[in-house]
């Protein structure tokens, strides 16, 4: 039997057009888990000696960034997004009378939405704690300005790579979580009968 097509006789059949295709509870739970695990992974990275947080109260400087730090941050983003996506796919309610392909698409969309919600949450948190204290460009030499521009470009590159790979990872993890959920539903119904 295909995923999403089985149902018991005791289920109340609600027409599909009256059911929401989006489980916001599962998406927000996945986003919260993603943000929490990201903070844990960044803390672990700082414990291993990576400068993953800016110095207080002066903020981040060009000397704080390295490609190793960028790669570590991308890895943290991907792992956190995979966990959030998996939870979003696994926790959403089971849809009845929905084709396998639609179930797979909806699970994938739940992972992507959990990733997007976590990004919005991180941006809000970042805006709340950000300090507007940046050194004036007039105080920097031309060589320092060029170096700061190069570092900013590298940071943007790593953030972009991290965002794309973590969005993909969250979507794939949600699809896997949805398949596992459907497998467990099918196993539970087989054991009960």
N, C-alpha and C. Protein backbone atom coordinates (compact mmCIF):
# COMPACT_ATOMS: atom_id res chain seq x y z
N UNK A 1 0.85 -1.18 0.00
CA UNK A 1 0.00 0.00 0.00
C UNK A 1 0.89 1.24 0.00
N UNK A 2 0.50 2.27 -0.66
CA UNK A 2 1.31 3.47 -0.82
C UNK A 2 1.20 4.36 0.41
N UNK A 3 2.21 5.21 0.57
CA UNK A 3 2.20 6.15 1.69
C UNK A 3 1.00 7.08 1.58
N UNK A 4 0.33 7.31 2.69
CA UNK A 4 -0.73 8.29 2.74
C UNK A 4 -2.07 7.80 2.22
N UNK A 5 -2.17 6.52 1.80
CA UNK A 5 -3.43 6.06 1.23
C UNK A 5 -4.23 5.17 2.17
N UNK A 6 -3.61 4.66 3.24
CA UNK A 6 -4.34 3.77 4.12
C UNK A 6 -5.09 4.56 5.19
N UNK A 7 -6.20 4.02 5.64
CA UNK A 7 -6.95 4.64 6.74
C UNK A 7 -7.82 3.57 7.38
N UNK A 8 -8.14 3.79 8.62
CA UNK A 8 -8.98 2.83 9.32
C UNK A 8 -10.44 3.22 9.17
N UNK A 9 -11.33 2.30 9.48
CA UNK A 9 -12.76 2.58 9.32
C UNK A 9 -13.28 3.53 10.38
N UNK A 10 -12.53 3.70 11.48
CA UNK A 10 -12.99 4.60 12.54
C UNK A 10 -12.63 6.06 12.29
N UNK A 11 -11.80 6.32 11.28
CA UNK A 11 -11.41 7.70 10.97
C UNK A 11 -12.59 8.46 10.37
N UNK A 12 -12.72 9.69 10.78
CA UNK A 12 -13.74 10.56 10.20
C UNK A 12 -13.15 11.14 8.93
N UNK A 13 -13.81 10.97 7.83
CA UNK A 13 -13.29 11.44 6.55
C UNK A 13 -13.68 12.89 6.37
N UNK A 14 -12.65 13.73 6.28
CA UNK A 14 -12.85 15.15 6.02
C UNK A 14 -12.34 15.40 4.61
N UNK A 15 -13.12 16.04 3.77
CA UNK A 15 -12.64 16.30 2.40
C UNK A 15 -11.29 17.00 2.43
N UNK A 16 -10.42 16.60 1.49
CA UNK A 16 -9.06 17.14 1.46
C UNK A 16 -9.02 18.65 1.29
N UNK A 17 -9.99 19.21 0.58
CA UNK A 17 -9.96 20.65 0.37
C UNK A 17 -10.27 21.44 1.64
N UNK A 18 -10.76 20.77 2.70
CA UNK A 18 -11.06 21.44 3.96
C UNK A 18 -9.93 21.26 4.98
N UNK A 19 -8.92 20.48 4.64
CA UNK A 19 -7.77 20.29 5.53
C UNK A 19 -6.62 21.16 5.05
N UNK A 20 -5.92 21.72 6.00
CA UNK A 20 -4.75 22.53 5.65
C UNK A 20 -3.60 21.61 5.24
N UNK A 21 -2.88 22.00 4.23
CA UNK A 21 -1.72 21.24 3.80
C UNK A 21 -0.49 21.61 4.61
N UNK A 22 -0.62 22.59 5.49
CA UNK A 22 0.52 23.06 6.27
C UNK A 22 0.24 22.85 7.75
N UNK A 23 1.17 22.17 8.43
CA UNK A 23 1.09 21.98 9.88
C UNK A 23 2.05 22.97 10.53
N UNK A 24 1.51 24.14 10.90
CA UNK A 24 2.37 25.19 11.45
C UNK A 24 2.99 24.79 12.79
N UNK A 25 2.30 23.98 13.56
CA UNK A 25 2.89 23.52 14.83
C UNK A 25 4.17 22.75 14.57
N UNK A 26 4.15 21.85 13.59
CA UNK A 26 5.34 21.07 13.27
C UNK A 26 6.44 21.96 12.71
N UNK A 27 6.07 22.93 11.89
CA UNK A 27 7.06 23.83 11.30
C UNK A 27 7.73 24.68 12.37
N UNK A 28 6.94 25.24 13.27
CA UNK A 28 7.52 26.08 14.34
C UNK A 28 8.35 25.25 15.31
N UNK A 29 7.92 24.01 15.58
CA UNK A 29 8.73 23.12 16.43
C UNK A 29 10.06 22.81 15.77
N UNK A 30 10.05 22.55 14.46
CA UNK A 30 11.29 22.30 13.74
C UNK A 30 12.20 23.52 13.72
N UNK A 31 11.60 24.70 13.55
CA UNK A 31 12.40 25.94 13.54
C UNK A 31 13.02 26.20 14.91
N UNK A 32 12.25 25.99 15.97
CA UNK A 32 12.79 26.20 17.32
C UNK A 32 13.91 25.22 17.61
N UNK A 33 13.74 23.97 17.22
CA UNK A 33 14.80 22.98 17.43
C UNK A 33 16.04 23.33 16.62
N UNK A 34 15.83 23.83 15.41
CA UNK A 34 16.96 24.21 14.56
C UNK A 34 17.76 25.36 15.17
N UNK A 35 17.07 26.37 15.68
CA UNK A 35 17.76 27.49 16.32
C UNK A 35 18.50 27.04 17.57
N UNK A 36 17.85 26.19 18.36
CA UNK A 36 18.47 25.73 19.60
C UNK A 36 19.72 24.90 19.32
N UNK A 37 19.65 23.97 18.37
CA UNK A 37 20.82 23.14 18.08
C UNK A 37 21.92 23.96 17.43
N UNK A 38 21.56 25.01 16.69
CA UNK A 38 22.58 25.89 16.11
C UNK A 38 23.37 26.58 17.22
N UNK A 39 22.68 27.07 18.25
CA UNK A 39 23.38 27.70 19.37
C UNK A 39 24.27 26.68 20.10
N UNK A 40 23.79 25.46 20.24
CA UNK A 40 24.60 24.42 20.89
C UNK A 40 25.85 24.13 20.06
N UNK A 41 25.69 23.97 18.75
CA UNK A 41 26.83 23.66 17.89
C UNK A 41 27.83 24.82 17.84
N UNK A 42 27.34 26.04 17.81
CA UNK A 42 28.25 27.19 17.83
C UNK A 42 29.00 27.26 19.15
N UNK A 43 28.30 26.93 20.24
CA UNK A 43 28.98 26.90 21.55
C UNK A 43 30.04 25.82 21.59
N UNK A 44 29.74 24.65 21.01
CA UNK A 44 30.75 23.59 20.94
C UNK A 44 31.94 24.03 20.11
N UNK A 45 31.66 24.69 18.97
CA UNK A 45 32.75 25.19 18.14
C UNK A 45 33.61 26.19 18.89
N UNK A 46 32.99 27.07 19.66
CA UNK A 46 33.75 28.03 20.47
C UNK A 46 34.56 27.30 21.53
N UNK A 47 34.00 26.21 22.08
CA UNK A 47 34.72 25.42 23.06
C UNK A 47 35.95 24.73 22.47
N UNK A 48 35.88 24.42 21.18
CA UNK A 48 37.03 23.81 20.51
C UNK A 48 38.03 24.84 20.02
N UNK A 49 37.78 26.12 20.29
CA UNK A 49 38.75 27.15 19.98
C UNK A 49 38.44 27.99 18.77
N UNK A 50 37.33 27.73 18.08
CA UNK A 50 36.98 28.58 16.95
C UNK A 50 36.36 29.87 17.45
N UNK A 51 36.74 30.98 16.86
CA UNK A 51 36.15 32.27 17.24
C UNK A 51 34.83 32.41 16.50
N UNK A 52 33.78 31.84 17.08
CA UNK A 52 32.48 31.84 16.41
C UNK A 52 31.55 32.92 16.91
N UNK A 53 31.97 33.66 17.91
CA UNK A 53 31.16 34.75 18.41
C UNK A 53 32.03 36.00 18.47
N UNK A 54 31.45 37.15 18.21
CA UNK A 54 32.25 38.38 18.24
C UNK A 54 32.67 38.73 19.67
N UNK A 55 33.78 39.45 19.75
CA UNK A 55 34.24 39.92 21.06
C UNK A 55 33.27 40.94 21.61
N UNK A 56 33.03 40.87 22.87
CA UNK A 56 32.13 41.80 23.53
C UNK A 56 32.92 42.92 24.13
N UNK A 57 32.59 44.13 24.08
CA UNK A 57 31.49 44.80 23.39
C UNK A 57 31.90 45.38 22.05
N UNK A 58 33.13 45.11 21.60
CA UNK A 58 33.60 45.77 20.37
C UNK A 58 33.00 45.20 19.10
N UNK A 59 32.46 44.00 19.13
CA UNK A 59 31.85 43.40 17.94
C UNK A 59 32.87 42.65 17.11
N UNK A 60 32.46 42.21 15.94
CA UNK A 60 33.31 41.40 15.08
C UNK A 60 34.28 42.28 14.31
N UNK A 61 35.46 41.77 14.10
CA UNK A 61 36.46 42.51 13.32
C UNK A 61 36.93 41.61 12.17
N UNK A 62 37.67 42.18 11.26
CA UNK A 62 38.14 41.43 10.09
C UNK A 62 39.08 40.30 10.50
N UNK A 63 39.78 40.44 11.61
CA UNK A 63 40.70 39.40 12.05
C UNK A 63 39.97 38.19 12.64
N UNK A 64 38.70 38.32 12.94
CA UNK A 64 37.95 37.22 13.56
C UNK A 64 37.53 36.16 12.56
N UNK A 65 37.55 36.44 11.26
CA UNK A 65 37.04 35.51 10.27
C UNK A 65 38.17 34.77 9.57
N UNK A 66 37.94 33.48 9.33
CA UNK A 66 38.85 32.66 8.53
C UNK A 66 38.00 31.67 7.73
N UNK A 67 38.55 31.11 6.65
CA UNK A 67 37.78 30.12 5.90
C UNK A 67 37.42 28.88 6.74
N UNK A 68 38.25 28.51 7.68
CA UNK A 68 37.92 27.39 8.56
C UNK A 68 36.68 27.72 9.39
N UNK A 69 36.63 28.93 9.90
CA UNK A 69 35.46 29.38 10.64
C UNK A 69 34.21 29.37 9.76
N UNK A 70 34.35 29.84 8.51
CA UNK A 70 33.22 29.84 7.58
C UNK A 70 32.73 28.42 7.31
N UNK A 71 33.65 27.49 7.08
CA UNK A 71 33.26 26.10 6.83
C UNK A 71 32.60 25.48 8.06
N UNK A 72 33.11 25.79 9.23
CA UNK A 72 32.50 25.27 10.47
C UNK A 72 31.10 25.83 10.65
N UNK A 73 30.91 27.09 10.33
CA UNK A 73 29.58 27.68 10.47
C UNK A 73 28.60 27.09 9.46
N UNK A 74 29.07 26.80 8.24
CA UNK A 74 28.22 26.14 7.24
C UNK A 74 27.81 24.76 7.74
N UNK A 75 28.77 24.02 8.31
CA UNK A 75 28.46 22.68 8.84
C UNK A 75 27.43 22.77 9.97
N UNK A 76 27.59 23.76 10.85
CA UNK A 76 26.62 23.95 11.94
C UNK A 76 25.23 24.26 11.39
N UNK A 77 25.16 25.12 10.37
CA UNK A 77 23.87 25.45 9.76
C UNK A 77 23.21 24.22 9.16
N UNK A 78 23.98 23.40 8.46
CA UNK A 78 23.42 22.23 7.79
C UNK A 78 22.90 21.22 8.81
N UNK A 79 23.69 20.94 9.83
CA UNK A 79 23.27 19.95 10.85
C UNK A 79 22.02 20.44 11.59
N UNK A 80 22.01 21.71 11.98
CA UNK A 80 20.85 22.26 12.69
C UNK A 80 19.61 22.25 11.80
N UNK A 81 19.77 22.59 10.53
CA UNK A 81 18.62 22.60 9.62
C UNK A 81 18.12 21.19 9.35
N UNK A 82 19.03 20.23 9.29
CA UNK A 82 18.59 18.84 9.09
C UNK A 82 17.74 18.37 10.27
N UNK A 83 18.15 18.69 11.47
CA UNK A 83 17.36 18.30 12.64
C UNK A 83 16.00 18.98 12.62
N UNK A 84 15.97 20.28 12.36
CA UNK A 84 14.70 21.00 12.31
C UNK A 84 13.79 20.50 11.21
N UNK A 85 14.34 20.21 10.04
CA UNK A 85 13.54 19.69 8.94
C UNK A 85 13.00 18.30 9.24
N UNK A 86 13.85 17.45 9.82
CA UNK A 86 13.40 16.09 10.17
C UNK A 86 12.24 16.15 11.16
N UNK A 87 12.36 17.00 12.16
CA UNK A 87 11.27 17.13 13.13
C UNK A 87 10.00 17.68 12.49
N UNK A 88 10.14 18.65 11.60
CA UNK A 88 8.96 19.20 10.93
C UNK A 88 8.26 18.13 10.10
N UNK A 89 9.03 17.29 9.41
CA UNK A 89 8.43 16.23 8.62
C UNK A 89 7.84 15.12 9.46
N UNK A 90 8.48 14.84 10.57
CA UNK A 90 8.02 13.73 11.41
C UNK A 90 6.84 14.11 12.30
N UNK A 91 6.77 15.35 12.72
CA UNK A 91 5.73 15.78 13.66
C UNK A 91 4.42 16.21 13.02
N UNK A 92 4.41 16.45 11.75
CA UNK A 92 3.18 16.93 11.14
C UNK A 92 2.13 15.83 11.14
N UNK A 93 0.87 16.24 11.08
CA UNK A 93 -0.22 15.27 11.12
C UNK A 93 -0.26 14.48 9.82
N UNK A 94 -0.77 13.28 9.92
CA UNK A 94 -0.85 12.41 8.75
C UNK A 94 -2.07 12.78 7.92
N UNK A 95 -1.85 12.93 6.62
CA UNK A 95 -2.95 13.25 5.72
C UNK A 95 -3.51 11.94 5.17
N UNK A 96 -4.81 11.86 5.11
CA UNK A 96 -5.48 10.71 4.52
C UNK A 96 -5.96 11.07 3.12
N UNK A 97 -6.04 10.09 2.27
CA UNK A 97 -6.55 10.26 0.91
C UNK A 97 -5.70 11.24 0.10
N UNK A 98 -4.40 11.23 0.33
CA UNK A 98 -3.49 12.09 -0.41
C UNK A 98 -2.48 11.19 -1.10
N UNK A 99 -2.21 11.44 -2.36
CA UNK A 99 -1.28 10.62 -3.14
C UNK A 99 0.14 10.71 -2.57
N UNK A 100 0.91 9.64 -2.80
CA UNK A 100 2.29 9.58 -2.31
C UNK A 100 3.13 10.77 -2.73
N UNK A 101 3.01 11.15 -3.98
CA UNK A 101 3.82 12.26 -4.49
C UNK A 101 3.47 13.57 -3.79
N UNK A 102 2.20 13.76 -3.51
CA UNK A 102 1.77 14.97 -2.80
C UNK A 102 2.26 14.95 -1.36
N UNK A 103 2.22 13.79 -0.73
CA UNK A 103 2.73 13.67 0.64
C UNK A 103 4.22 13.99 0.67
N UNK A 104 4.97 13.46 -0.28
CA UNK A 104 6.41 13.73 -0.35
C UNK A 104 6.67 15.23 -0.56
N UNK A 105 5.90 15.85 -1.46
CA UNK A 105 6.06 17.28 -1.68
C UNK A 105 5.75 18.08 -0.42
N UNK A 106 4.65 17.72 0.26
CA UNK A 106 4.27 18.46 1.46
C UNK A 106 5.31 18.30 2.57
N UNK A 107 5.86 17.10 2.71
CA UNK A 107 6.91 16.91 3.71
C UNK A 107 8.13 17.77 3.38
N UNK A 108 8.51 17.78 2.11
CA UNK A 108 9.65 18.59 1.69
C UNK A 108 9.37 20.08 1.94
N UNK A 109 8.16 20.51 1.64
CA UNK A 109 7.79 21.91 1.87
C UNK A 109 7.82 22.24 3.35
N UNK A 110 7.43 21.29 4.20
CA UNK A 110 7.49 21.54 5.64
C UNK A 110 8.93 21.76 6.11
N UNK A 111 9.86 21.00 5.55
CA UNK A 111 11.26 21.21 5.89
C UNK A 111 11.76 22.57 5.45
N UNK A 112 11.38 22.96 4.23
CA UNK A 112 11.79 24.27 3.73
C UNK A 112 11.17 25.39 4.56
N UNK A 113 9.91 25.25 4.94
CA UNK A 113 9.27 26.27 5.77
C UNK A 113 9.87 26.32 7.18
N UNK A 114 10.26 25.16 7.73
CA UNK A 114 10.92 25.16 9.04
C UNK A 114 12.27 25.88 8.94
N UNK A 115 12.99 25.65 7.85
CA UNK A 115 14.25 26.34 7.63
C UNK A 115 14.02 27.85 7.53
N UNK A 116 13.02 28.25 6.74
CA UNK A 116 12.73 29.68 6.57
C UNK A 116 12.32 30.32 7.89
N UNK A 117 11.50 29.63 8.67
CA UNK A 117 11.09 30.17 9.97
C UNK A 117 12.28 30.31 10.91
N UNK A 118 13.21 29.37 10.85
CA UNK A 118 14.40 29.48 11.71
C UNK A 118 15.29 30.64 11.28
N UNK A 119 15.39 30.88 9.98
CA UNK A 119 16.18 32.02 9.49
C UNK A 119 15.55 33.33 9.95
N UNK A 120 14.23 33.42 9.83
CA UNK A 120 13.54 34.63 10.30
C UNK A 120 13.75 34.80 11.81
N UNK A 121 13.65 33.72 12.56
CA UNK A 121 13.88 33.78 14.00
C UNK A 121 15.29 34.23 14.34
N UNK A 122 16.28 33.71 13.60
CA UNK A 122 17.66 34.13 13.84
C UNK A 122 17.88 35.59 13.47
N UNK A 123 17.25 36.05 12.39
CA UNK A 123 17.37 37.46 12.02
C UNK A 123 16.75 38.37 13.08
N UNK A 124 15.62 37.95 13.62
CA UNK A 124 14.98 38.75 14.68
C UNK A 124 15.86 38.77 15.92
N UNK A 125 16.39 37.60 16.31
CA UNK A 125 17.30 37.56 17.47
C UNK A 125 18.54 38.41 17.22
N UNK A 126 19.09 38.32 16.03
CA UNK A 126 20.27 39.11 15.70
C UNK A 126 20.00 40.60 15.73
N UNK A 127 18.82 41.00 15.25
CA UNK A 127 18.46 42.42 15.27
C UNK A 127 18.26 42.92 16.69
N UNK A 128 17.78 42.06 17.57
CA UNK A 128 17.56 42.47 18.95
C UNK A 128 18.86 42.68 19.72
N UNK A 129 19.90 41.91 19.39
CA UNK A 129 21.14 42.00 20.16
C UNK A 129 22.25 42.73 19.41
N UNK A 130 22.01 43.16 18.18
CA UNK A 130 23.05 43.82 17.39
C UNK A 130 23.38 45.19 17.95
N UNK A 131 24.64 45.53 17.80
CA UNK A 131 25.09 46.86 18.20
C UNK A 131 25.46 47.65 16.96
N UNK A 132 25.05 48.88 16.87
CA UNK A 132 25.37 49.67 15.68
C UNK A 132 26.76 50.29 15.72
N UNK A 133 27.63 49.82 16.58
CA UNK A 133 28.94 50.44 16.73
C UNK A 133 29.94 49.82 15.75
N UNK A 134 30.16 50.48 14.63
CA UNK A 134 31.15 50.07 13.65
C UNK A 134 32.15 51.20 13.51
N UNK A 135 33.41 50.86 13.27
CA UNK A 135 34.39 51.94 13.11
C UNK A 135 34.10 52.74 11.84
N UNK A 136 34.32 54.03 11.92
CA UNK A 136 34.08 54.89 10.76
C UNK A 136 35.12 54.59 9.70
N UNK A 137 34.70 54.63 8.44
CA UNK A 137 35.62 54.34 7.34
C UNK A 137 36.74 55.38 7.26
N UNK A 138 36.49 56.57 7.78
CA UNK A 138 37.52 57.61 7.75
C UNK A 138 38.68 57.26 8.67
N UNK A 139 38.45 56.41 9.69
CA UNK A 139 39.51 56.03 10.61
C UNK A 139 40.37 54.90 10.07
N UNK A 140 40.00 54.29 8.95
CA UNK A 140 40.73 53.17 8.39
C UNK A 140 41.60 53.61 7.22
N UNK A 141 42.72 52.91 7.06
CA UNK A 141 43.58 53.18 5.91
C UNK A 141 42.96 52.52 4.67
N UNK A 142 43.38 52.93 3.48
CA UNK A 142 42.82 52.31 2.26
C UNK A 142 43.05 50.79 2.22
N UNK A 143 44.18 50.33 2.71
CA UNK A 143 44.45 48.89 2.72
C UNK A 143 43.50 48.17 3.68
N UNK A 144 43.21 48.78 4.82
CA UNK A 144 42.27 48.18 5.76
C UNK A 144 40.85 48.14 5.20
N UNK A 145 40.47 49.15 4.45
CA UNK A 145 39.14 49.19 3.83
C UNK A 145 39.01 48.07 2.80
N UNK A 146 40.06 47.88 1.99
CA UNK A 146 40.04 46.81 0.98
C UNK A 146 39.99 45.45 1.68
N UNK A 147 40.79 45.28 2.73
CA UNK A 147 40.78 44.01 3.47
C UNK A 147 39.40 43.75 4.09
N UNK A 148 38.79 44.77 4.67
CA UNK A 148 37.46 44.60 5.26
C UNK A 148 36.43 44.25 4.19
N UNK A 149 36.56 44.82 2.99
CA UNK A 149 35.64 44.49 1.90
C UNK A 149 35.82 43.05 1.47
N UNK A 150 37.07 42.56 1.42
CA UNK A 150 37.32 41.17 1.05
C UNK A 150 36.75 40.21 2.11
N UNK A 151 36.95 40.55 3.37
CA UNK A 151 36.42 39.72 4.46
C UNK A 151 34.89 39.70 4.41
N UNK A 152 34.28 40.85 4.16
CA UNK A 152 32.82 40.91 4.05
C UNK A 152 32.32 40.06 2.89
N UNK A 153 33.05 40.06 1.77
CA UNK A 153 32.67 39.23 0.64
C UNK A 153 32.79 37.75 0.99
N UNK A 154 33.84 37.37 1.70
CA UNK A 154 34.00 35.97 2.11
C UNK A 154 32.90 35.54 3.07
N UNK A 155 32.57 36.41 4.01
CA UNK A 155 31.49 36.10 4.96
C UNK A 155 30.17 35.93 4.21
N UNK A 156 29.90 36.82 3.26
CA UNK A 156 28.67 36.71 2.46
C UNK A 156 28.65 35.42 1.65
N UNK A 157 29.78 35.03 1.09
CA UNK A 157 29.86 33.78 0.33
C UNK A 157 29.54 32.59 1.22
N UNK A 158 30.17 32.52 2.39
CA UNK A 158 29.92 31.39 3.29
C UNK A 158 28.49 31.39 3.81
N UNK A 159 27.93 32.57 4.09
CA UNK A 159 26.53 32.63 4.52
C UNK A 159 25.60 32.16 3.41
N UNK A 160 25.87 32.54 2.18
CA UNK A 160 25.05 32.11 1.05
C UNK A 160 25.13 30.60 0.83
N UNK A 161 26.35 30.06 0.87
CA UNK A 161 26.53 28.61 0.72
C UNK A 161 25.82 27.89 1.86
N UNK A 162 25.98 28.39 3.06
CA UNK A 162 25.32 27.78 4.21
C UNK A 162 23.81 27.83 4.11
N UNK A 163 23.28 28.96 3.63
CA UNK A 163 21.82 29.09 3.50
C UNK A 163 21.28 28.12 2.45
N UNK A 164 21.93 28.03 1.31
CA UNK A 164 21.46 27.13 0.26
C UNK A 164 21.56 25.66 0.67
N UNK A 165 22.70 25.28 1.22
CA UNK A 165 22.85 23.87 1.60
C UNK A 165 21.96 23.51 2.78
N UNK A 166 21.77 24.42 3.70
CA UNK A 166 20.91 24.09 4.85
C UNK A 166 19.44 24.05 4.44
N UNK A 167 19.02 24.87 3.48
CA UNK A 167 17.64 24.78 2.98
C UNK A 167 17.41 23.45 2.31
N UNK A 168 18.37 23.02 1.49
CA UNK A 168 18.25 21.72 0.82
C UNK A 168 18.26 20.59 1.85
N UNK A 169 19.16 20.66 2.82
CA UNK A 169 19.26 19.62 3.85
C UNK A 169 17.99 19.53 4.68
N UNK A 170 17.40 20.67 5.01
CA UNK A 170 16.16 20.67 5.79
C UNK A 170 15.02 20.03 5.00
N UNK A 171 14.95 20.32 3.70
CA UNK A 171 13.90 19.74 2.87
C UNK A 171 14.05 18.23 2.74
N UNK A 172 15.26 17.77 2.49
CA UNK A 172 15.50 16.33 2.37
C UNK A 172 15.24 15.63 3.70
N UNK A 173 15.68 16.22 4.79
CA UNK A 173 15.46 15.62 6.11
C UNK A 173 13.98 15.55 6.44
N UNK A 174 13.22 16.55 6.04
CA UNK A 174 11.77 16.52 6.29
C UNK A 174 11.11 15.40 5.49
N UNK A 175 11.55 15.20 4.26
CA UNK A 175 11.00 14.10 3.47
C UNK A 175 11.31 12.76 4.11
N UNK A 176 12.53 12.61 4.63
CA UNK A 176 12.90 11.37 5.33
C UNK A 176 12.07 11.21 6.60
N UNK A 177 11.90 12.30 7.34
CA UNK A 177 11.07 12.24 8.54
C UNK A 177 9.63 11.87 8.23
N UNK A 178 9.10 12.40 7.13
CA UNK A 178 7.74 12.07 6.74
C UNK A 178 7.62 10.60 6.34
N UNK A 179 8.61 10.08 5.63
CA UNK A 179 8.57 8.65 5.27
C UNK A 179 8.64 7.77 6.52
N UNK A 180 9.48 8.15 7.46
CA UNK A 180 9.58 7.39 8.71
C UNK A 180 8.26 7.44 9.48
N UNK A 181 7.61 8.61 9.51
CA UNK A 181 6.32 8.74 10.19
C UNK A 181 5.30 7.82 9.54
N UNK A 182 5.23 7.84 8.21
CA UNK A 182 4.27 7.00 7.51
C UNK A 182 4.58 5.52 7.70
N UNK A 183 5.87 5.17 7.73
CA UNK A 183 6.25 3.77 8.00
C UNK A 183 5.78 3.35 9.39
N UNK A 184 5.93 4.22 10.35
CA UNK A 184 5.52 3.88 11.72
C UNK A 184 3.99 3.76 11.81
N UNK A 185 3.27 4.62 11.10
CA UNK A 185 1.80 4.51 11.08
C UNK A 185 1.38 3.18 10.46
N UNK A 186 2.03 2.81 9.35
CA UNK A 186 1.69 1.57 8.67
C UNK A 186 2.02 0.37 9.57
N UNK A 187 3.18 0.41 10.24
CA UNK A 187 3.57 -0.68 11.14
C UNK A 187 2.61 -0.78 12.31
N UNK A 188 2.22 0.35 12.87
CA UNK A 188 1.30 0.35 14.00
C UNK A 188 -0.05 -0.24 13.60
N UNK A 189 -0.54 0.09 12.44
CA UNK A 189 -1.82 -0.44 11.97
C UNK A 189 -1.73 -1.92 11.66
N UNK A 190 -0.57 -2.38 11.18
CA UNK A 190 -0.38 -3.79 10.90
C UNK A 190 -0.34 -4.59 12.18
N UNK A 191 0.32 -4.07 13.20
CA UNK A 191 0.43 -4.75 14.49
C UNK A 191 -0.92 -4.80 15.18
N UNK A 192 -1.71 -3.74 15.07
CA UNK A 192 -3.02 -3.68 15.73
C UNK A 192 -4.02 -4.66 15.12
N UNK A 193 -3.88 -4.97 13.82
CA UNK A 193 -4.87 -5.84 13.21
C UNK A 193 -4.46 -7.29 13.20
